[in-house]
Amino acid sequence: MDTAYQTLLLAHGLSGLVALVTFWIAAFAKKGSPLHLRTGKTYMIAMLGIVVTAAPMAAIIATRGKPGIATFLGYLVVITATGMWLGWRAIRRKRDQGAFRQGAYLAVALVNLAASAIVFAVGMHMSQVLLMGFSAVGTLTGVQMLMRRLRPMDTARWWLKEHYSAMIGCGVATHIAFLAIGLDRLIRAIGIDPPGWYHLIAWFLPLSLSFVVAAWLNRKYMPKPGAGAGAAVASRA
């Protein structure tokens, strides 16, 4: 078990390192440029490696009597996989918003709502305020997906908003995991005990910054109210 876990941990760490580097390269590269596309694909592959290794790691951690960490890691798998799927699907279905919001879209939204409810319940049971607070991410994701399924976005650039919103979500998950778990363990390994406020920063700084970045991207790429969206929305799901 230990050997399998260490192998998963190594693969997870390497995937995370690649994801962190390529995330920022893609973020600063010109949108739609060859560099953005290439690094974006590499980032998605690295993210897939993170998800594939994190799921069994969460199961192993749960068997070791650490339900809080296991729940947190499993929850990150759900919200990260959701972001990956939405970001990829937005590009693949960019010409048909109706198709984008059909199929597994409803099921994914419900899974996020269920996962957030479980995380909140576990956090309440363990008196972990951080888990309870972070459960809001899955709730917001699920509710937003359901609302947009009922009322799709009335803009020709709906797919772009879906894409960068999903990538921001992935970035939040990976940075929180790195700060709260990876960097925390590295700091402890060199004999330093992180202060109590460190985990608050590790969890909520990436989340807070994501709202700022999303607002900036919306202002840059989305049409202003009253300016006209351009194209009509495809079929409503």
Protein backbone atom coordinates (compact mmCIF):
# COMPACT_ATOMS: atom_id res chain seq x y z
CA MET A 1 0.00 0.00 0.00
CA ASP A 2 2.80 2.41 0.93
CA THR A 3 4.65 1.75 -2.32
CA ALA A 4 1.50 2.30 -4.37
CA TYR A 5 0.72 5.48 -2.47
CA GLN A 6 4.25 6.85 -2.86
CA THR A 7 4.09 6.14 -6.61
CA LEU A 8 0.76 7.95 -6.86
CA LEU A 9 2.11 10.81 -4.78
CA LEU A 10 5.16 11.21 -7.03
CA ALA A 11 3.05 11.16 -10.21
CA HIS A 12 0.58 13.56 -8.61
CA GLY A 13 3.33 15.98 -7.60
CA LEU A 14 4.97 15.95 -11.03
CA SER A 15 1.61 16.49 -12.72
CA GLY A 16 0.89 19.35 -10.34
CA LEU A 17 4.23 21.00 -11.08
CA VAL A 18 3.61 20.85 -14.83
CA ALA A 19 0.07 22.16 -14.31
CA LEU A 20 1.23 25.14 -12.26
CA VAL A 21 3.87 26.14 -14.81
CA THR A 22 1.68 25.71 -17.89
CA PHE A 23 -1.28 27.42 -16.22
CA TRP A 24 0.62 30.67 -15.92
CA ILE A 25 2.21 30.39 -19.36
CA ALA A 26 -1.23 29.90 -20.92
CA ALA A 27 -2.67 32.70 -18.76
CA PHE A 28 -0.17 35.28 -19.99
CA ALA A 29 0.02 34.04 -23.59
CA LYS A 30 -2.14 35.78 -26.19
CA LYS A 31 -5.52 34.06 -26.27
CA GLY A 32 -5.85 31.81 -29.30
CA SER A 33 -2.14 32.01 -30.14
CA PRO A 34 -0.12 28.84 -30.90
CA LEU A 35 1.63 29.19 -27.51
CA HIS A 36 -1.68 29.49 -25.70
CA LEU A 37 -3.08 26.45 -27.49
CA ARG A 38 -0.01 24.27 -26.96
CA THR A 39 0.45 25.10 -23.31
CA GLY A 40 -3.29 24.82 -22.77
CA LYS A 41 -3.26 21.26 -24.08
CA THR A 42 -0.26 20.41 -21.91
CA TYR A 43 -2.04 21.92 -18.93
CA MET A 44 -5.12 19.80 -19.53
CA ILE A 45 -3.02 16.64 -19.79
CA ALA A 46 -1.27 17.54 -16.52
CA MET A 47 -4.64 18.22 -14.89
CA LEU A 48 -5.85 14.83 -16.04
CA GLY A 49 -2.81 13.31 -14.34
CA ILE A 50 -3.70 15.16 -11.14
CA VAL A 51 -7.29 13.91 -11.15
CA VAL A 52 -6.39 10.32 -12.05
CA THR A 53 -3.85 10.09 -9.22
CA ALA A 54 -5.81 12.09 -6.64
CA ALA A 55 -8.88 9.83 -6.67
CA PRO A 56 -7.10 6.66 -5.45
CA MET A 57 -4.97 8.77 -3.10
CA ALA A 58 -8.13 10.05 -1.42
CA ALA A 59 -9.37 6.47 -1.00
CA ILE A 60 -6.06 5.38 0.58
CA ILE A 61 -6.01 8.39 2.92
CA ALA A 62 -9.57 7.58 4.03
CA THR A 63 -8.50 4.04 5.00
CA ARG A 64 -5.74 5.56 7.14
CA GLY A 65 -8.24 7.30 9.36
CA LYS A 66 -7.97 10.81 7.91
CA PRO A 67 -11.50 11.52 6.64
CA GLY A 68 -11.05 15.29 6.58
CA ILE A 69 -8.07 15.23 4.21
CA ALA A 70 -9.67 12.45 2.13
CA THR A 71 -12.90 14.43 1.80
CA PHE A 72 -11.02 17.58 0.83
CA LEU A 73 -8.98 15.74 -1.80
CA GLY A 74 -12.00 13.91 -3.20
CA TYR A 75 -13.93 17.17 -3.38
CA LEU A 76 -11.06 18.79 -5.27
CA VAL A 77 -11.24 15.91 -7.75
CA VAL A 78 -14.92 16.67 -8.39
CA ILE A 79 -14.62 20.43 -8.85
CA THR A 80 -11.36 20.15 -10.81
CA ALA A 81 -12.75 17.50 -13.16
CA THR A 82 -15.83 19.68 -13.64
CA GLY A 83 -13.70 22.66 -14.62
CA MET A 84 -11.65 20.56 -17.04
CA TRP A 85 -14.78 19.12 -18.64
CA LEU A 86 -16.54 22.46 -18.99
CA GLY A 87 -13.43 24.19 -20.38
CA TRP A 88 -12.87 21.45 -22.96
CA ARG A 89 -16.57 21.18 -23.83
CA ALA A 90 -16.93 24.93 -24.35
CA ILE A 91 -14.31 24.79 -27.11
CA ARG A 92 -15.77 21.67 -28.68
CA ARG A 93 -19.37 23.01 -28.61
CA LYS A 94 -18.62 26.68 -29.28
CA ARG A 95 -21.01 26.80 -32.23
CA ASP A 96 -23.99 25.35 -30.36
CA GLN A 97 -24.76 26.47 -26.82
CA GLY A 98 -27.79 24.21 -26.70
CA ALA A 99 -25.62 21.15 -27.31
CA PHE A 100 -23.14 22.36 -24.71
CA ARG A 101 -25.83 22.37 -22.02
CA GLN A 102 -27.35 19.00 -22.92
CA GLY A 103 -26.23 15.43 -22.30
CA ALA A 104 -24.17 14.98 -19.14
CA TYR A 105 -24.33 18.69 -18.27
CA LEU A 106 -27.25 18.27 -15.85
CA ALA A 107 -25.68 15.25 -14.17
CA VAL A 108 -22.39 17.12 -13.63
CA ALA A 109 -24.26 20.03 -12.06
CA LEU A 110 -26.07 17.69 -9.66
CA VAL A 111 -22.83 15.88 -8.76
CA ASN A 112 -21.30 19.22 -7.74
CA LEU A 113 -24.29 20.03 -5.56
CA ALA A 114 -24.18 16.60 -3.93
CA ALA A 115 -20.41 16.81 -3.36
CA SER A 116 -20.71 20.25 -1.77
CA ALA A 117 -23.45 18.99 0.56
CA ILE A 118 -21.27 16.05 1.64
CA VAL A 119 -18.28 18.31 2.25
CA PHE A 120 -20.41 20.71 4.29
CA ALA A 121 -21.78 17.84 6.38
CA VAL A 122 -18.32 16.40 7.00
CA GLY A 123 -16.98 19.84 7.87
CA MET A 124 -19.82 20.40 10.32
CA HIS A 125 -19.32 16.97 11.91
CA MET A 126 -15.58 17.60 12.31
CA SER A 127 -16.03 21.30 13.24
CA GLN A 128 -13.86 22.22 10.25
CA VAL A 129 -14.90 25.71 9.22
CA LEU A 130 -12.61 25.63 6.19
CA LEU A 131 -14.36 22.57 4.75
CA MET A 132 -17.76 24.10 5.42
CA GLY A 133 -16.79 27.35 3.75
CA PHE A 134 -15.12 25.72 0.77
CA SER A 135 -18.25 23.67 0.09
CA ALA A 136 -19.69 26.88 -1.38
CA VAL A 137 -17.54 26.40 -4.49
CA GLY A 138 -19.40 23.25 -5.57
CA THR A 139 -22.72 24.82 -4.65
CA LEU A 140 -22.06 27.92 -6.74
CA THR A 141 -20.85 25.80 -9.65
CA GLY A 142 -23.88 23.53 -9.59
CA VAL A 143 -26.40 26.34 -9.17
CA GLN A 144 -24.81 28.41 -11.93
CA MET A 145 -24.84 25.45 -14.30
CA LEU A 146 -28.53 24.82 -13.61
CA MET A 147 -29.41 28.49 -14.08
CA ARG A 148 -27.55 28.68 -17.38
CA ARG A 149 -29.20 25.48 -18.53
CA LEU A 150 -32.58 27.11 -17.99
CA ARG A 151 -31.46 30.48 -19.33
CA PRO A 152 -28.41 30.27 -21.63
CA MET A 153 -26.13 33.29 -22.01
CA ASP A 154 -27.29 35.76 -24.65
CA THR A 155 -23.91 36.53 -26.20
CA ALA A 156 -21.93 35.13 -29.11
CA ARG A 157 -18.93 34.80 -26.79
CA TRP A 158 -20.71 32.56 -24.29
CA TRP A 159 -18.22 29.78 -25.00
CA LEU A 160 -15.25 32.04 -24.20
CA LYS A 161 -16.73 32.99 -20.83
CA GLU A 162 -17.44 29.34 -20.07
CA HIS A 163 -13.89 28.41 -21.07
CA TYR A 164 -11.97 30.95 -19.04
CA SER A 165 -14.32 30.62 -16.08
CA ALA A 166 -13.68 26.88 -16.04
CA MET A 167 -9.92 27.36 -16.34
CA ILE A 168 -9.98 29.84 -13.47
CA GLY A 169 -11.82 27.23 -11.42
CA CYS A 170 -9.18 24.63 -12.24
CA GLY A 171 -6.48 27.11 -11.30
CA VAL A 172 -8.12 27.77 -7.93
CA ALA A 173 -8.30 24.05 -7.15
CA THR A 174 -4.69 23.34 -8.13
CA HIS A 175 -3.29 26.35 -6.27
CA ILE A 176 -5.25 25.53 -3.11
CA ALA A 177 -4.07 21.92 -3.25
CA PHE A 178 -0.48 23.07 -3.75
CA LEU A 179 -0.56 25.64 -0.93
CA ALA A 180 -2.67 23.69 1.59
CA ILE A 181 -1.14 20.24 1.05
CA GLY A 182 2.01 20.27 -1.10
CA LEU A 183 3.75 23.39 0.17
CA ASP A 184 2.54 22.72 3.71
CA ARG A 185 4.25 19.33 3.72
CA LEU A 186 7.40 20.79 2.20
CA ILE A 187 7.55 23.47 4.89
CA ARG A 188 7.05 20.90 7.64
CA ALA A 189 9.66 18.62 6.08
CA ILE A 190 12.34 21.25 6.61
CA GLY A 191 11.34 21.64 10.24
CA ILE A 192 9.10 24.72 10.10
CA ASP A 193 5.60 24.67 11.57
CA PRO A 194 3.31 26.97 9.52
CA PRO A 195 1.39 29.57 11.56
CA GLY A 196 -2.31 29.08 12.16
CA TRP A 197 -3.34 31.73 9.63
CA TYR A 198 -1.39 30.02 6.83
CA HIS A 199 -4.19 27.63 5.90
CA LEU A 200 -6.72 30.45 5.74
CA ILE A 201 -4.47 32.15 3.20
CA ALA A 202 -3.84 28.88 1.34
CA TRP A 203 -7.57 28.19 0.95
CA PHE A 204 -9.10 31.59 0.43
CA LEU A 205 -6.44 33.72 -1.28
CA PRO A 206 -6.66 31.78 -4.60
CA LEU A 207 -10.46 31.83 -4.33
CA SER A 208 -10.56 35.57 -3.69
CA LEU A 209 -8.14 36.33 -6.51
CA SER A 210 -10.26 34.24 -8.89
CA PHE A 211 -13.17 36.67 -8.50
CA VAL A 212 -10.90 39.59 -9.33
CA VAL A 213 -9.49 37.84 -12.41
CA ALA A 214 -12.95 36.74 -13.57
CA ALA A 215 -14.27 40.30 -13.26
CA TRP A 216 -11.32 41.62 -15.27
CA LEU A 217 -11.78 39.03 -18.02
CA ASN A 218 -15.51 39.69 -18.15
CA ARG A 219 -14.83 43.39 -18.59
CA LYS A 220 -12.26 42.71 -21.29
CA TYR A 221 -14.04 40.06 -23.37
CA MET A 222 -17.76 40.24 -22.64
CA PRO A 223 -20.10 42.81 -24.26
CA LYS A 224 -21.17 45.68 -22.04
CA PRO A 225 -24.84 45.81 -20.93
CA GLY A 226 -26.93 47.49 -23.58
CA ALA A 227 -24.25 47.20 -26.26
CA GLY A 228 -25.89 44.20 -27.94
CA ALA A 229 -24.70 40.65 -27.87
CA GLY A 230 -24.50 40.15 -31.61
CA ALA A 231 -25.63 36.63 -32.29
CA ALA A 232 -28.69 34.94 -30.90
CA VAL A 233 -28.35 32.00 -28.60
CA ALA A 234 -28.71 28.57 -30.18
CA SER A 235 -31.46 26.30 -28.96
CA ARG A 236 -32.38 26.36 -25.27
CA ALA A 237 -31.90 23.08 -23.42
